[in-house]
Amino acid sequence: MKDKVNEIQISYKDRITSPFWHKISSSKDASELLYGHWNKNTIEVHESFKIMLLNNSNMVKGIYQLSQGGITGTMIDLRILFAVVLKTLSVAIILTHYAKCRIM
């Protein structure tokens, strides 16, 4: 009997072509883009953790919500974080955590 193992296939599809990706030149650029991806109706209710995935030119490949918790905290699984980063072939990431606080 021949040994059997699972075959693994990895795929990643760009839905927005790279000429339309946002370039991150400063922390302000990243902050403004990320804030636009939070649900303003629930931002004060749940803590959440997202990652911004970048290519080697600091162009944003995407934003992925890694976890959403409760009022006082959220947990992340590093295995999922690394799986997303590796699957998208990202060369840089920005880790973001939004805790309930006053926005100025």
N, C-alpha and C. Protein backbone atom coordinates (compact mmCIF):
# COMPACT_ATOMS: atom_id res chain seq x y z
N MET A 1 0.84 -1.18 0.00
CA MET A 1 0.00 0.00 0.00
C MET A 1 0.88 1.24 0.00
N LYS A 2 0.56 2.14 -0.86
CA LYS A 2 1.32 3.38 -0.98
C LYS A 2 0.89 4.35 0.12
N ASP A 3 1.87 5.04 0.72
CA ASP A 3 1.54 6.04 1.74
C ASP A 3 0.74 7.17 1.12
N LYS A 4 -0.25 7.64 1.85
CA LYS A 4 -1.09 8.72 1.34
C LYS A 4 -0.92 9.95 2.23
N VAL A 5 -0.85 11.08 1.59
CA VAL A 5 -0.78 12.36 2.30
C VAL A 5 -1.69 13.36 1.60
N ASN A 6 -2.06 14.38 2.33
CA ASN A 6 -2.89 15.44 1.73
C ASN A 6 -2.06 16.28 0.78
N GLU A 7 -2.66 16.67 -0.32
CA GLU A 7 -2.02 17.59 -1.25
C GLU A 7 -2.43 19.00 -0.85
N ILE A 8 -1.47 19.89 -0.77
CA ILE A 8 -1.75 21.26 -0.36
C ILE A 8 -1.60 22.18 -1.55
N GLN A 9 -2.58 23.02 -1.74
CA GLN A 9 -2.56 24.00 -2.82
C GLN A 9 -2.80 25.38 -2.20
N ILE A 10 -1.99 26.33 -2.57
CA ILE A 10 -2.12 27.69 -2.05
C ILE A 10 -2.47 28.60 -3.21
N SER A 11 -3.46 29.45 -2.99
CA SER A 11 -3.82 30.41 -4.04
C SER A 11 -4.13 31.76 -3.42
N TYR A 12 -3.89 32.79 -4.19
CA TYR A 12 -4.17 34.17 -3.78
C TYR A 12 -4.59 34.90 -5.04
N LYS A 13 -5.71 35.60 -4.98
CA LYS A 13 -6.21 36.31 -6.16
C LYS A 13 -6.36 37.79 -5.85
N ASP A 14 -5.76 38.61 -6.69
CA ASP A 14 -5.94 40.05 -6.58
C ASP A 14 -7.28 40.41 -7.21
N ARG A 15 -8.11 41.09 -6.47
CA ARG A 15 -9.38 41.56 -7.05
C ARG A 15 -9.25 43.00 -7.52
N ILE A 16 -8.31 43.70 -6.92
CA ILE A 16 -8.01 45.08 -7.34
C ILE A 16 -6.58 45.04 -7.87
N THR A 17 -6.38 45.48 -9.09
CA THR A 17 -5.04 45.41 -9.68
C THR A 17 -4.11 46.41 -9.01
N SER A 18 -2.82 46.10 -9.02
CA SER A 18 -1.83 46.88 -8.28
C SER A 18 -1.77 48.37 -8.62
N PRO A 19 -2.09 48.83 -9.83
CA PRO A 19 -2.06 50.27 -10.06
C PRO A 19 -3.03 51.05 -9.16
N PHE A 20 -4.03 50.37 -8.60
CA PHE A 20 -5.02 51.04 -7.77
C PHE A 20 -4.78 50.84 -6.27
N TRP A 21 -3.69 50.17 -5.89
CA TRP A 21 -3.38 49.96 -4.48
C TRP A 21 -2.92 51.28 -3.86
N HIS A 22 -3.21 51.46 -2.57
CA HIS A 22 -2.77 52.65 -1.84
C HIS A 22 -1.30 52.48 -1.44
N LYS A 23 -0.54 53.58 -1.52
CA LYS A 23 0.85 53.55 -1.07
C LYS A 23 0.90 54.12 0.34
N ILE A 24 1.64 53.44 1.20
CA ILE A 24 1.82 53.89 2.58
C ILE A 24 3.18 54.57 2.67
N SER A 25 3.16 55.89 2.91
CA SER A 25 4.40 56.65 3.04
C SER A 25 4.65 57.10 4.48
N SER A 26 3.62 57.01 5.31
CA SER A 26 3.76 57.46 6.70
C SER A 26 2.75 56.73 7.58
N SER A 27 2.94 56.85 8.87
CA SER A 27 1.98 56.23 9.80
C SER A 27 0.61 56.87 9.66
N LYS A 28 0.58 58.14 9.29
CA LYS A 28 -0.70 58.82 9.09
C LYS A 28 -1.47 58.20 7.92
N ASP A 29 -0.76 57.89 6.82
CA ASP A 29 -1.40 57.22 5.68
C ASP A 29 -2.05 55.91 6.12
N ALA A 30 -1.29 55.12 6.88
CA ALA A 30 -1.79 53.83 7.34
C ALA A 30 -2.98 54.01 8.27
N SER A 31 -2.88 54.95 9.19
CA SER A 31 -3.95 55.20 10.16
C SER A 31 -5.24 55.60 9.47
N GLU A 32 -5.15 56.52 8.53
CA GLU A 32 -6.35 56.99 7.83
C GLU A 32 -7.01 55.87 7.02
N LEU A 33 -6.20 55.08 6.34
CA LEU A 33 -6.75 53.99 5.54
C LEU A 33 -7.39 52.92 6.44
N LEU A 34 -6.72 52.59 7.53
CA LEU A 34 -7.26 51.59 8.45
C LEU A 34 -8.54 52.06 9.11
N TYR A 35 -8.57 53.31 9.54
CA TYR A 35 -9.76 53.83 10.22
C TYR A 35 -10.98 53.75 9.30
N GLY A 36 -10.76 53.94 8.02
CA GLY A 36 -11.84 53.84 7.06
C GLY A 36 -12.41 52.43 6.92
N HIS A 37 -11.67 51.43 7.41
CA HIS A 37 -12.12 50.04 7.31
C HIS A 37 -12.75 49.51 8.60
N TRP A 38 -12.87 50.38 9.60
CA TRP A 38 -13.55 49.96 10.82
C TRP A 38 -15.02 50.35 10.72
N ASN A 39 -15.89 49.51 11.22
CA ASN A 39 -17.32 49.80 11.24
C ASN A 39 -17.57 50.84 12.33
N LYS A 40 -17.95 52.04 11.92
CA LYS A 40 -18.14 53.15 12.87
C LYS A 40 -19.31 52.89 13.83
N ASN A 41 -20.23 52.01 13.44
CA ASN A 41 -21.38 51.71 14.31
C ASN A 41 -21.01 50.79 15.47
N THR A 42 -19.92 50.04 15.32
CA THR A 42 -19.55 49.11 16.39
C THR A 42 -18.15 49.34 16.93
N ILE A 43 -17.46 50.37 16.46
CA ILE A 43 -16.07 50.58 16.85
C ILE A 43 -15.91 50.80 18.35
N GLU A 44 -16.93 51.34 19.00
CA GLU A 44 -16.85 51.57 20.44
C GLU A 44 -17.35 50.38 21.26
N VAL A 45 -17.79 49.32 20.59
CA VAL A 45 -18.36 48.17 21.29
C VAL A 45 -17.36 47.01 21.38
N HIS A 46 -16.65 46.75 20.28
CA HIS A 46 -15.75 45.59 20.20
C HIS A 46 -14.32 46.04 20.02
N GLU A 47 -13.40 45.36 20.70
CA GLU A 47 -11.99 45.54 20.38
C GLU A 47 -11.71 44.64 19.18
N SER A 48 -10.86 45.10 18.29
CA SER A 48 -10.53 44.27 17.13
C SER A 48 -9.07 44.43 16.75
N PHE A 49 -8.58 43.46 15.99
CA PHE A 49 -7.19 43.39 15.59
C PHE A 49 -7.15 43.11 14.09
N LYS A 50 -6.49 43.99 13.34
CA LYS A 50 -6.39 43.83 11.89
C LYS A 50 -4.93 43.89 11.47
N ILE A 51 -4.65 43.33 10.30
CA ILE A 51 -3.32 43.46 9.73
C ILE A 51 -3.43 44.08 8.35
N MET A 52 -2.50 44.99 8.07
CA MET A 52 -2.40 45.59 6.75
C MET A 52 -1.23 44.90 6.06
N LEU A 53 -1.49 44.35 4.90
CA LEU A 53 -0.49 43.57 4.16
C LEU A 53 0.10 44.43 3.04
N LEU A 54 1.43 44.49 2.99
CA LEU A 54 2.11 45.37 2.04
C LEU A 54 3.05 44.59 1.14
N ASN A 55 3.27 45.14 -0.06
CA ASN A 55 4.29 44.56 -0.94
C ASN A 55 5.61 45.29 -0.70
N ASN A 56 6.62 45.00 -1.50
CA ASN A 56 7.94 45.60 -1.28
C ASN A 56 8.01 47.09 -1.60
N SER A 57 6.97 47.65 -2.20
CA SER A 57 6.92 49.10 -2.47
C SER A 57 5.99 49.81 -1.49
N ASN A 58 5.63 49.14 -0.41
CA ASN A 58 4.69 49.68 0.59
C ASN A 58 3.32 49.98 0.01
N MET A 59 2.93 49.22 -1.00
CA MET A 59 1.58 49.31 -1.55
C MET A 59 0.72 48.32 -0.78
N VAL A 60 -0.50 48.73 -0.45
CA VAL A 60 -1.38 47.89 0.36
C VAL A 60 -2.02 46.80 -0.50
N LYS A 61 -1.69 45.56 -0.17
CA LYS A 61 -2.29 44.42 -0.85
C LYS A 61 -3.68 44.14 -0.30
N GLY A 62 -3.87 44.44 0.97
CA GLY A 62 -5.17 44.21 1.59
C GLY A 62 -5.13 44.43 3.08
N ILE A 63 -6.31 44.42 3.67
CA ILE A 63 -6.47 44.53 5.12
C ILE A 63 -7.29 43.32 5.55
N TYR A 64 -6.81 42.64 6.58
CA TYR A 64 -7.46 41.42 7.05
C TYR A 64 -7.80 41.57 8.53
N GLN A 65 -9.05 41.33 8.89
CA GLN A 65 -9.43 41.35 10.30
C GLN A 65 -9.08 40.01 10.90
N LEU A 66 -8.11 40.02 11.79
CA LEU A 66 -7.63 38.79 12.39
C LEU A 66 -8.50 38.34 13.55
N SER A 67 -9.02 39.29 14.31
CA SER A 67 -9.92 38.91 15.40
C SER A 67 -10.79 40.08 15.82
N GLN A 68 -11.91 39.71 16.42
CA GLN A 68 -12.80 40.70 17.03
C GLN A 68 -13.22 40.12 18.36
N GLY A 69 -13.03 40.90 19.40
CA GLY A 69 -13.33 40.40 20.73
C GLY A 69 -14.53 41.06 21.34
N GLY A 70 -14.44 41.20 22.63
CA GLY A 70 -15.54 41.81 23.37
C GLY A 70 -15.20 43.23 23.76
N ILE A 71 -15.76 43.65 24.86
CA ILE A 71 -15.58 45.02 25.32
C ILE A 71 -14.17 45.26 25.85
N THR A 72 -13.56 44.24 26.47
CA THR A 72 -12.29 44.46 27.15
C THR A 72 -11.08 43.79 26.51
N GLY A 73 -11.25 43.06 25.43
CA GLY A 73 -10.08 42.44 24.83
C GLY A 73 -10.40 41.61 23.61
N THR A 74 -9.35 41.22 22.91
CA THR A 74 -9.47 40.33 21.75
C THR A 74 -8.22 39.46 21.69
N MET A 75 -8.38 38.25 21.21
CA MET A 75 -7.27 37.29 21.14
C MET A 75 -6.90 37.07 19.67
N ILE A 76 -5.61 36.87 19.43
CA ILE A 76 -5.18 36.53 18.07
C ILE A 76 -4.48 35.18 18.09
N ASP A 77 -4.55 34.50 16.99
CA ASP A 77 -3.88 33.22 16.81
C ASP A 77 -2.73 33.47 15.84
N LEU A 78 -1.50 33.33 16.33
CA LEU A 78 -0.33 33.61 15.49
C LEU A 78 -0.26 32.69 14.28
N ARG A 79 -0.80 31.49 14.38
CA ARG A 79 -0.79 30.58 13.22
C ARG A 79 -1.61 31.16 12.09
N ILE A 80 -2.74 31.76 12.42
CA ILE A 80 -3.58 32.37 11.39
C ILE A 80 -2.90 33.61 10.83
N LEU A 81 -2.30 34.42 11.70
CA LEU A 81 -1.58 35.62 11.25
C LEU A 81 -0.52 35.24 10.22
N PHE A 82 0.34 34.28 10.56
CA PHE A 82 1.41 33.89 9.65
C PHE A 82 0.86 33.22 8.39
N ALA A 83 -0.22 32.47 8.50
CA ALA A 83 -0.82 31.85 7.32
C ALA A 83 -1.29 32.90 6.33
N VAL A 84 -1.93 33.96 6.82
CA VAL A 84 -2.42 35.02 5.94
C VAL A 84 -1.25 35.76 5.30
N VAL A 85 -0.25 36.10 6.10
CA VAL A 85 0.91 36.82 5.57
C VAL A 85 1.63 35.99 4.51
N LEU A 86 1.86 34.73 4.78
CA LEU A 86 2.57 33.88 3.83
C LEU A 86 1.74 33.61 2.58
N LYS A 87 0.45 33.40 2.75
CA LYS A 87 -0.40 33.09 1.59
C LYS A 87 -0.48 34.27 0.63
N THR A 88 -0.44 35.49 1.15
CA THR A 88 -0.54 36.67 0.29
C THR A 88 0.83 37.12 -0.24
N LEU A 89 1.88 36.41 0.15
CA LEU A 89 3.25 36.75 -0.27
C LEU A 89 3.61 38.18 0.11
N SER A 90 3.13 38.64 1.24
CA SER A 90 3.42 40.00 1.70
C SER A 90 4.84 40.07 2.25
N VAL A 91 5.50 41.19 2.01
CA VAL A 91 6.86 41.36 2.52
C VAL A 91 6.91 42.28 3.73
N ALA A 92 5.79 42.93 4.03
CA ALA A 92 5.71 43.79 5.21
C ALA A 92 4.27 43.77 5.71
N ILE A 93 4.13 43.96 7.02
CA ILE A 93 2.80 44.02 7.60
C ILE A 93 2.75 45.14 8.64
N ILE A 94 1.56 45.68 8.82
CA ILE A 94 1.31 46.64 9.89
C ILE A 94 0.24 46.00 10.76
N LEU A 95 0.58 45.78 12.03
CA LEU A 95 -0.36 45.19 12.98
C LEU A 95 -1.14 46.31 13.63
N THR A 96 -2.46 46.16 13.70
CA THR A 96 -3.29 47.22 14.28
C THR A 96 -4.27 46.64 15.28
N HIS A 97 -4.44 47.36 16.35
CA HIS A 97 -5.38 46.97 17.39
C HIS A 97 -6.19 48.20 17.74
N TYR A 98 -7.50 48.06 17.71
CA TYR A 98 -8.33 49.19 18.11
C TYR A 98 -9.02 48.84 19.40
N ALA A 99 -8.63 49.55 20.43
CA ALA A 99 -9.30 49.43 21.72
C ALA A 99 -10.18 50.65 21.89
N LYS A 100 -11.25 50.49 22.61
CA LYS A 100 -12.18 51.59 22.82
C LYS A 100 -11.43 52.76 23.46
N CYS A 101 -11.42 53.87 22.78
CA CYS A 101 -10.75 55.05 23.29
C CYS A 101 -11.31 56.28 22.59
N ARG A 102 -10.86 57.42 23.00
CA ARG A 102 -11.31 58.65 22.38
C ARG A 102 -10.49 58.94 21.13
N ILE A 103 -11.13 59.19 20.03
CA ILE A 103 -10.46 59.55 18.77
C ILE A 103 -10.31 61.06 18.74
N MET A 104 -9.10 61.52 18.47
CA MET A 104 -8.87 62.97 18.39
C MET A 104 -8.59 63.39 16.98
